[in-house]
């Protein structure tokens, strides 16, 4: 006689406890998990390079070496961009301290003139205080040290995962056709992640060039830094545009007042609406299939769990969790549809809605 099924309340409690334990474990091991996720994404992106090489007769170890080298090249370019932007930003803050103090004073005076309380004025003054920006620079320097430390783990992970990926293509020959559904799901996930980052990188580069040239034409200091910021924040769903426009807009206000700040906001808004709102989603929708709400929540959640890299890796991590938890469960069709998956198969039974 089979054991009775657990009560729904007990089952929900077990799932909740298991989820909290898993999230806690990820948060505790975030310094290992975040580089691991980044290494996995890099290998997924560059893995297809091995196929044409092996078709041309390259040995497997040589094709794996090319995959590792390209992944390292991507890391090196990103690290160089971040270091350049950090150095330029630190120099900028020290160069415009007087202008920042004057801008903070003018904002406080304006708030007082329109009748706002001293508390709001003090809060605004503190937010625009140059000392706060210097603390931000120091914090960015500390983050850079953490980035270098994490890079060591990423370099090692890329080697191991690229070498392992070379043997996964032989899984069906080694284990039989029974593993084909699992292999197909892995390939579909990898393809989605690859398209997502390729499309975002392409549009991010276009946005960065347009924004950088516009800022240069307007006379905004260090436009290359804000172009790099626009490129990086393009990988952050929904809120990336806001994160990318605030620093150059504030700087425009400092050096040119409200008219220059409005010009920067207008240019960024037009570029964002045309490319990132009207055009880019048409290219990434097939790869992502996540609702806007889930995309936004995933950015907040994964940033909290594994740190700053979570904002950039939020989409592939959320797709992975959805595929692992919901893909094989026939009762989870509604949850997959609710998450934004438009490819949920229809039920064929007579009782289907």
Protein backbone atom coordinates (compact mmCIF):
# COMPACT_ATOMS: atom_id res chain seq x y z
CA UNK A 1 0.00 0.00 0.00
CA UNK A 2 1.47 3.34 -1.07
CA UNK A 3 2.10 6.04 1.49
CA UNK A 4 -0.42 8.92 1.51
CA UNK A 5 0.63 12.08 -0.28
CA UNK A 6 1.72 14.90 2.03
CA UNK A 7 -0.76 17.65 2.71
CA UNK A 8 -0.48 20.71 0.43
CA UNK A 9 0.44 22.92 3.38
CA UNK A 10 3.25 20.60 4.43
CA UNK A 11 4.50 20.35 0.85
CA UNK A 12 4.51 24.15 0.51
CA UNK A 13 6.39 24.49 3.81
CA UNK A 14 9.04 22.01 2.68
CA UNK A 15 9.48 23.83 -0.63
CA UNK A 16 9.76 27.19 1.15
CA UNK A 17 12.35 25.90 3.63
CA UNK A 18 14.37 24.24 0.88
CA UNK A 19 14.29 27.45 -1.17
CA UNK A 20 15.45 29.57 1.76
CA UNK A 21 18.26 27.12 2.49
CA UNK A 22 19.35 27.15 -1.16
CA UNK A 23 19.31 30.96 -1.31
CA UNK A 24 21.23 31.17 1.96
CA UNK A 25 23.84 28.73 0.67
CA UNK A 26 24.24 30.73 -2.55
CA UNK A 27 24.61 33.97 -0.60
CA UNK A 28 27.16 32.43 1.76
CA UNK A 29 29.20 31.09 -1.19
CA UNK A 30 28.64 34.11 -3.46
CA UNK A 31 32.36 34.77 -3.88
CA UNK A 32 32.66 31.34 -5.48
CA UNK A 33 29.26 31.11 -7.16
CA UNK A 34 29.46 34.47 -8.97
CA UNK A 35 32.78 33.71 -10.75
CA UNK A 36 31.49 30.22 -11.50
CA UNK A 37 28.38 31.63 -13.18
CA UNK A 38 30.46 34.14 -15.14
CA UNK A 39 32.85 31.42 -16.29
CA UNK A 40 29.95 29.23 -17.37
CA UNK A 41 28.38 32.05 -19.39
CA UNK A 42 31.70 32.81 -21.10
CA UNK A 43 32.17 29.16 -22.06
CA UNK A 44 28.59 28.98 -23.35
CA UNK A 45 29.16 32.06 -25.52
CA UNK A 46 32.44 30.93 -27.11
CA UNK A 47 31.84 27.16 -27.18
CA UNK A 48 30.49 27.12 -30.79
CA UNK A 49 33.93 28.20 -32.02
CA UNK A 50 35.17 24.64 -31.56
CA UNK A 51 32.77 23.11 -34.09
CA UNK A 52 34.20 24.61 -37.33
CA UNK A 53 37.73 23.95 -36.07
CA UNK A 54 37.03 20.29 -35.39
CA UNK A 55 35.29 19.92 -38.75
CA UNK A 56 38.51 21.14 -40.34
CA UNK A 57 40.47 18.39 -38.60
CA UNK A 58 41.75 20.24 -35.54
CA UNK A 59 42.36 17.98 -32.56
CA UNK A 60 39.96 18.40 -29.66
CA UNK A 61 42.62 19.84 -27.36
CA UNK A 62 43.51 22.53 -29.92
CA UNK A 63 39.87 23.56 -30.36
CA UNK A 64 39.51 23.70 -26.57
CA UNK A 65 42.59 25.91 -26.38
CA UNK A 66 41.01 28.35 -28.85
CA UNK A 67 37.80 28.44 -26.77
CA UNK A 68 39.79 29.20 -23.62
CA UNK A 69 41.89 31.86 -25.37
CA UNK A 70 38.83 33.69 -26.72
CA UNK A 71 37.15 33.57 -23.30
CA UNK A 72 40.30 35.02 -21.75
CA UNK A 73 40.40 37.72 -24.43
CA UNK A 74 36.83 38.76 -23.57
CA UNK A 75 37.76 38.92 -19.89
CA UNK A 76 40.89 40.95 -20.64
CA UNK A 77 38.96 43.50 -22.72
CA UNK A 78 36.27 43.88 -20.05
CA UNK A 79 38.90 44.25 -17.30
CA UNK A 80 40.80 46.86 -19.32
CA UNK A 81 37.60 48.85 -19.90
CA UNK A 82 36.70 48.76 -16.20
CA UNK A 83 40.20 49.78 -15.09
CA UNK A 84 40.27 52.64 -17.60
CA UNK A 85 36.84 53.86 -16.53
CA UNK A 86 37.72 53.62 -12.83
CA UNK A 87 40.95 55.60 -13.21
CA UNK A 88 39.30 58.27 -15.35
CA UNK A 89 36.38 58.60 -12.93
CA UNK A 90 38.68 58.97 -9.93
CA UNK A 91 40.62 61.69 -11.72
CA UNK A 92 37.39 63.41 -12.74
CA UNK A 93 36.12 63.62 -9.16
CA UNK A 94 39.32 65.31 -7.98
CA UNK A 95 39.20 67.75 -10.91
CA UNK A 96 35.64 68.99 -10.37
CA UNK A 97 35.49 69.20 -6.57
CA UNK A 98 34.90 72.95 -6.61
CA UNK A 99 32.15 72.66 -9.22
CA UNK A 100 30.50 69.88 -7.22
CA UNK A 101 30.48 72.00 -4.08
CA UNK A 102 28.99 74.93 -5.99
CA UNK A 103 26.32 72.69 -7.54
CA UNK A 104 25.41 71.25 -4.13
CA UNK A 105 25.07 74.75 -2.68
CA UNK A 106 22.88 75.93 -5.56
CA UNK A 107 20.55 72.94 -5.22
CA UNK A 108 20.21 73.51 -1.47
CA UNK A 109 19.44 77.20 -2.04
CA UNK A 110 16.82 76.34 -4.65
CA UNK A 111 15.12 73.81 -2.34
CA UNK A 112 14.99 76.41 0.40
CA UNK A 113 13.55 79.01 -1.98
CA UNK A 114 10.62 76.78 -3.00
CA UNK A 115 9.72 76.14 0.62
CA UNK A 116 11.03 72.64 1.16
CA UNK A 117 12.17 71.78 4.65
CA UNK A 118 15.71 71.83 5.90
CA UNK A 119 15.69 68.04 6.17
CA UNK A 120 15.20 67.60 2.41
CA UNK A 121 17.84 70.23 1.72
CA UNK A 122 20.30 68.53 4.04
CA UNK A 123 19.65 65.17 2.39
CA UNK A 124 20.23 66.64 -1.06
CA UNK A 125 23.36 68.41 0.09
CA UNK A 126 24.70 65.14 1.51
CA UNK A 127 23.93 63.29 -1.72
CA UNK A 128 25.87 65.85 -3.76
CA UNK A 129 28.68 66.19 -1.22
CA UNK A 130 32.05 65.65 -2.95
CA UNK A 131 33.17 63.60 0.06
CA UNK A 132 30.39 61.14 -0.70
CA UNK A 133 31.67 60.81 -4.26
CA UNK A 134 35.19 60.29 -2.97
CA UNK A 135 33.85 57.49 -0.79
CA UNK A 136 32.22 56.08 -3.91
CA UNK A 137 35.56 56.12 -5.69
CA UNK A 138 37.20 54.33 -2.77
CA UNK A 139 34.39 51.79 -2.77
CA UNK A 140 34.88 51.27 -6.49
CA UNK A 141 38.58 50.69 -5.85
CA UNK A 142 37.72 48.05 -3.27
CA UNK A 143 35.32 46.44 -5.71
CA UNK A 144 38.09 46.41 -8.30
CA UNK A 145 40.31 44.46 -5.90
CA UNK A 146 37.48 41.99 -5.40
CA UNK A 147 37.08 41.77 -9.16
CA UNK A 148 40.74 40.88 -9.58
CA UNK A 149 40.41 38.20 -6.91
CA UNK A 150 37.31 36.77 -8.55
CA UNK A 151 39.08 36.83 -11.92
CA UNK A 152 41.47 34.17 -10.66
CA UNK A 153 38.54 31.82 -10.07
CA UNK A 154 37.00 32.71 -13.42
CA UNK A 155 40.22 31.89 -15.25
CA UNK A 156 40.37 28.48 -13.59
CA UNK A 157 36.66 27.77 -14.14
CA UNK A 158 36.92 28.61 -17.84
CA UNK A 159 39.71 26.06 -18.32
CA UNK A 160 37.85 23.29 -16.52
CA UNK A 161 34.46 23.95 -18.11
CA UNK A 162 35.85 24.37 -21.62
CA UNK A 163 37.67 21.05 -21.29
CA UNK A 164 34.54 19.32 -19.98
CA UNK A 165 32.36 20.85 -22.71
CA UNK A 166 34.49 19.06 -25.31
CA UNK A 167 33.27 15.67 -24.07
CA UNK A 168 29.58 16.51 -23.66
CA UNK A 169 29.06 16.28 -27.40
CA UNK A 170 29.81 12.54 -27.14
CA UNK A 171 27.17 11.96 -24.43
CA UNK A 172 24.62 10.41 -26.79
CA UNK A 173 27.16 8.00 -28.28
CA UNK A 174 28.31 6.99 -24.81
CA UNK A 175 24.93 6.72 -23.06
CA UNK A 176 22.46 6.08 -25.86
CA UNK A 177 19.53 7.97 -27.31
CA UNK A 178 17.80 8.11 -23.92
CA UNK A 179 19.82 11.18 -22.97
CA UNK A 180 18.80 13.08 -26.10
CA UNK A 181 15.95 15.05 -24.42
CA UNK A 182 18.31 16.25 -21.68
CA UNK A 183 20.98 17.16 -24.22
CA UNK A 184 18.41 19.02 -26.32
CA UNK A 185 17.27 21.04 -23.30
CA UNK A 186 20.87 21.95 -22.46
CA UNK A 187 21.52 23.00 -26.04
CA UNK A 188 18.33 25.09 -26.13
CA UNK A 189 19.32 26.83 -22.89
CA UNK A 190 22.85 27.49 -24.14
CA UNK A 191 21.49 28.86 -27.40
CA UNK A 192 19.14 31.20 -25.52
CA UNK A 193 21.94 32.51 -23.31
CA UNK A 194 24.22 32.95 -26.30
CA UNK A 195 21.68 34.90 -28.34
CA UNK A 196 20.79 37.04 -25.35
CA UNK A 197 24.35 38.20 -24.74
CA UNK A 198 25.29 38.55 -28.39
CA UNK A 199 22.26 40.74 -29.06
CA UNK A 200 22.80 42.79 -25.90
CA UNK A 201 26.49 43.27 -26.68
CA UNK A 202 25.68 44.38 -30.22
CA UNK A 203 23.04 46.89 -29.18
CA UNK A 204 25.13 47.96 -26.19
CA UNK A 205 28.02 48.82 -28.49
CA UNK A 206 25.76 50.91 -30.72
CA UNK A 207 24.24 52.70 -27.73
CA UNK A 208 27.68 53.33 -26.22
CA UNK A 209 29.02 54.86 -29.44
CA UNK A 210 25.99 57.12 -29.92
CA UNK A 211 25.94 58.24 -26.28
CA UNK A 212 29.70 58.77 -26.20
CA UNK A 213 29.71 60.88 -29.35
CA UNK A 214 26.75 62.93 -28.12
CA UNK A 215 28.40 63.58 -24.76
CA UNK A 216 31.64 64.54 -26.52
CA UNK A 217 29.75 66.99 -28.74
CA UNK A 218 28.07 68.51 -25.67
CA UNK A 219 31.40 68.94 -23.92
CA UNK A 220 30.74 66.51 -21.05
CA UNK A 221 34.05 65.49 -19.40
CA UNK A 222 35.42 61.95 -19.99
CA UNK A 223 32.69 60.84 -22.42
CA UNK A 224 34.48 57.51 -22.92
CA UNK A 225 33.76 56.59 -19.29
CA UNK A 226 30.03 57.17 -19.70
CA UNK A 227 30.06 55.28 -23.01
CA UNK A 228 31.60 52.29 -21.20
CA UNK A 229 28.98 52.65 -18.46
CA UNK A 230 26.21 52.68 -21.09
CA UNK A 231 27.62 49.50 -22.64
CA UNK A 232 27.84 47.66 -19.31
CA UNK A 233 24.43 48.75 -18.03
CA UNK A 234 22.83 47.60 -21.28
CA UNK A 235 23.20 44.06 -19.92
CA UNK A 236 21.04 44.94 -16.90
CA UNK A 237 17.36 44.44 -17.82
CA UNK A 238 14.82 47.24 -17.36
CA UNK A 239 16.83 49.49 -15.03
CA UNK A 240 20.14 49.54 -16.91
CA UNK A 241 19.21 52.73 -18.76
CA UNK A 242 18.51 54.57 -15.49
CA UNK A 243 21.80 53.43 -13.96
CA UNK A 244 23.67 54.52 -17.08
CA UNK A 245 22.15 57.99 -17.45
CA UNK A 246 22.33 59.28 -13.86
CA UNK A 247 26.12 59.91 -13.62
CA UNK A 248 26.51 61.84 -16.90
CA UNK A 249 23.29 63.76 -16.22
CA UNK A 250 24.55 64.85 -12.79
CA UNK A 251 27.91 65.78 -14.28
CA UNK A 252 26.16 67.78 -16.99
CA UNK A 253 24.30 69.70 -14.30
CA UNK A 254 27.55 70.39 -12.48
CA UNK A 255 29.43 71.73 -15.51
CA UNK A 256 26.59 73.28 -17.49
CA UNK A 257 23.51 73.67 -15.35
CA UNK A 258 19.96 72.53 -15.97
CA UNK A 259 19.91 73.08 -19.80
CA UNK A 260 22.89 70.79 -20.33
CA UNK A 261 21.44 68.17 -17.99
CA UNK A 262 18.15 68.23 -19.91
CA UNK A 263 20.07 67.80 -23.18
CA UNK A 264 21.82 64.69 -21.84
CA UNK A 265 18.56 63.23 -20.55
CA UNK A 266 16.84 63.92 -23.86
CA UNK A 267 19.58 62.27 -25.93
CA UNK A 268 19.73 59.21 -23.69
CA UNK A 269 15.94 58.93 -23.67
CA UNK A 270 15.67 59.07 -27.46
CA UNK A 271 18.42 56.48 -27.93
CA UNK A 272 16.89 54.28 -25.24
CA UNK A 273 13.37 54.47 -26.66
CA UNK A 274 14.40 53.83 -30.26
CA UNK A 275 16.98 51.09 -29.73
CA UNK A 276 16.43 49.53 -26.31
CA UNK A 277 12.63 49.73 -26.13
CA UNK A 278 11.41 49.50 -29.75
CA UNK A 279 14.11 47.50 -31.55
CA UNK A 280 16.18 45.42 -29.11
CA UNK A 281 13.28 43.51 -27.47
CA UNK A 282 12.26 42.13 -30.85
CA UNK A 283 15.66 40.42 -31.11
CA UNK A 284 15.88 39.09 -27.55
CA UNK A 285 12.28 37.99 -27.00
CA UNK A 286 12.83 34.57 -28.58
CA UNK A 287 15.93 33.99 -26.45
CA UNK A 288 14.57 35.19 -23.12
CA UNK A 289 10.77 34.80 -22.88
CA UNK A 290 10.64 36.32 -19.42
CA UNK A 291 7.98 38.72 -18.21
CA UNK A 292 9.01 42.29 -17.46
CA UNK A 293 8.18 41.84 -13.78
CA UNK A 294 10.24 38.68 -13.46
CA UNK A 295 13.15 40.30 -15.32
CA UNK A 296 13.17 43.23 -12.91
CA UNK A 297 12.79 41.04 -9.81
CA UNK A 298 15.56 38.75 -11.05
CA UNK A 299 17.98 41.70 -11.23
CA UNK A 300 17.24 42.68 -7.63
CA UNK A 301 17.24 39.09 -6.38
CA UNK A 302 20.47 37.89 -7.99
CA UNK A 303 22.29 41.12 -7.12
CA UNK A 304 21.38 40.52 -3.49
CA UNK A 305 22.35 36.85 -3.63
CA UNK A 306 25.68 36.88 -5.49
CA UNK A 307 26.65 40.54 -5.67
CA UNK A 308 27.10 43.03 -8.56
CA UNK A 309 27.64 40.29 -11.15
CA UNK A 310 24.13 39.10 -10.36
CA UNK A 311 22.68 42.11 -12.18
CA UNK A 312 24.46 41.16 -15.41
CA UNK A 313 23.93 37.39 -15.01
CA UNK A 314 20.33 37.64 -13.76
CA UNK A 315 18.63 36.53 -16.98
CA UNK A 316 20.61 33.30 -17.61
CA UNK A 317 20.42 32.40 -13.91
CA UNK A 318 16.65 32.91 -13.87
CA UNK A 319 16.26 30.90 -17.08
CA UNK A 320 18.31 28.11 -15.53
CA UNK A 321 16.19 28.01 -12.38
CA UNK A 322 12.98 28.03 -14.42
CA UNK A 323 14.17 25.21 -16.66
CA UNK A 324 15.35 23.09 -13.74
CA UNK A 325 12.26 23.56 -11.58
CA UNK A 326 9.45 23.85 -14.13
CA UNK A 327 10.52 22.27 -17.41
CA UNK A 328 9.75 18.62 -16.57
CA UNK A 329 6.67 19.27 -14.43
CA UNK A 330 3.42 18.97 -16.46
CA UNK A 331 1.55 20.75 -13.67
CA UNK A 332 3.76 23.82 -13.99
CA UNK A 333 2.43 24.98 -17.37
CA UNK A 334 0.65 27.94 -15.82
CA UNK A 335 3.75 28.97 -13.85
CA UNK A 336 5.89 28.85 -17.00
CA UNK A 337 3.30 30.90 -18.89
CA UNK A 338 3.10 33.34 -15.98
CA UNK A 339 6.90 33.74 -16.08
CA UNK A 340 6.66 34.88 -19.69
CA UNK A 341 7.29 31.63 -21.59
CA UNK A 342 5.21 31.89 -24.75
CA UNK A 343 6.20 28.39 -25.92
CA UNK A 344 4.26 26.43 -23.29
CA UNK A 345 2.61 23.51 -25.15
CA UNK A 346 -1.17 23.26 -25.09
CA UNK A 347 -2.74 20.33 -23.29
CA UNK A 348 -4.36 17.87 -25.64
CA UNK A 349 -6.69 16.20 -23.15
CA UNK A 350 -10.41 16.91 -23.25
CA UNK A 351 -10.23 18.68 -19.94
CA UNK A 352 -7.66 21.21 -21.08
CA UNK A 353 -8.71 24.86 -20.94
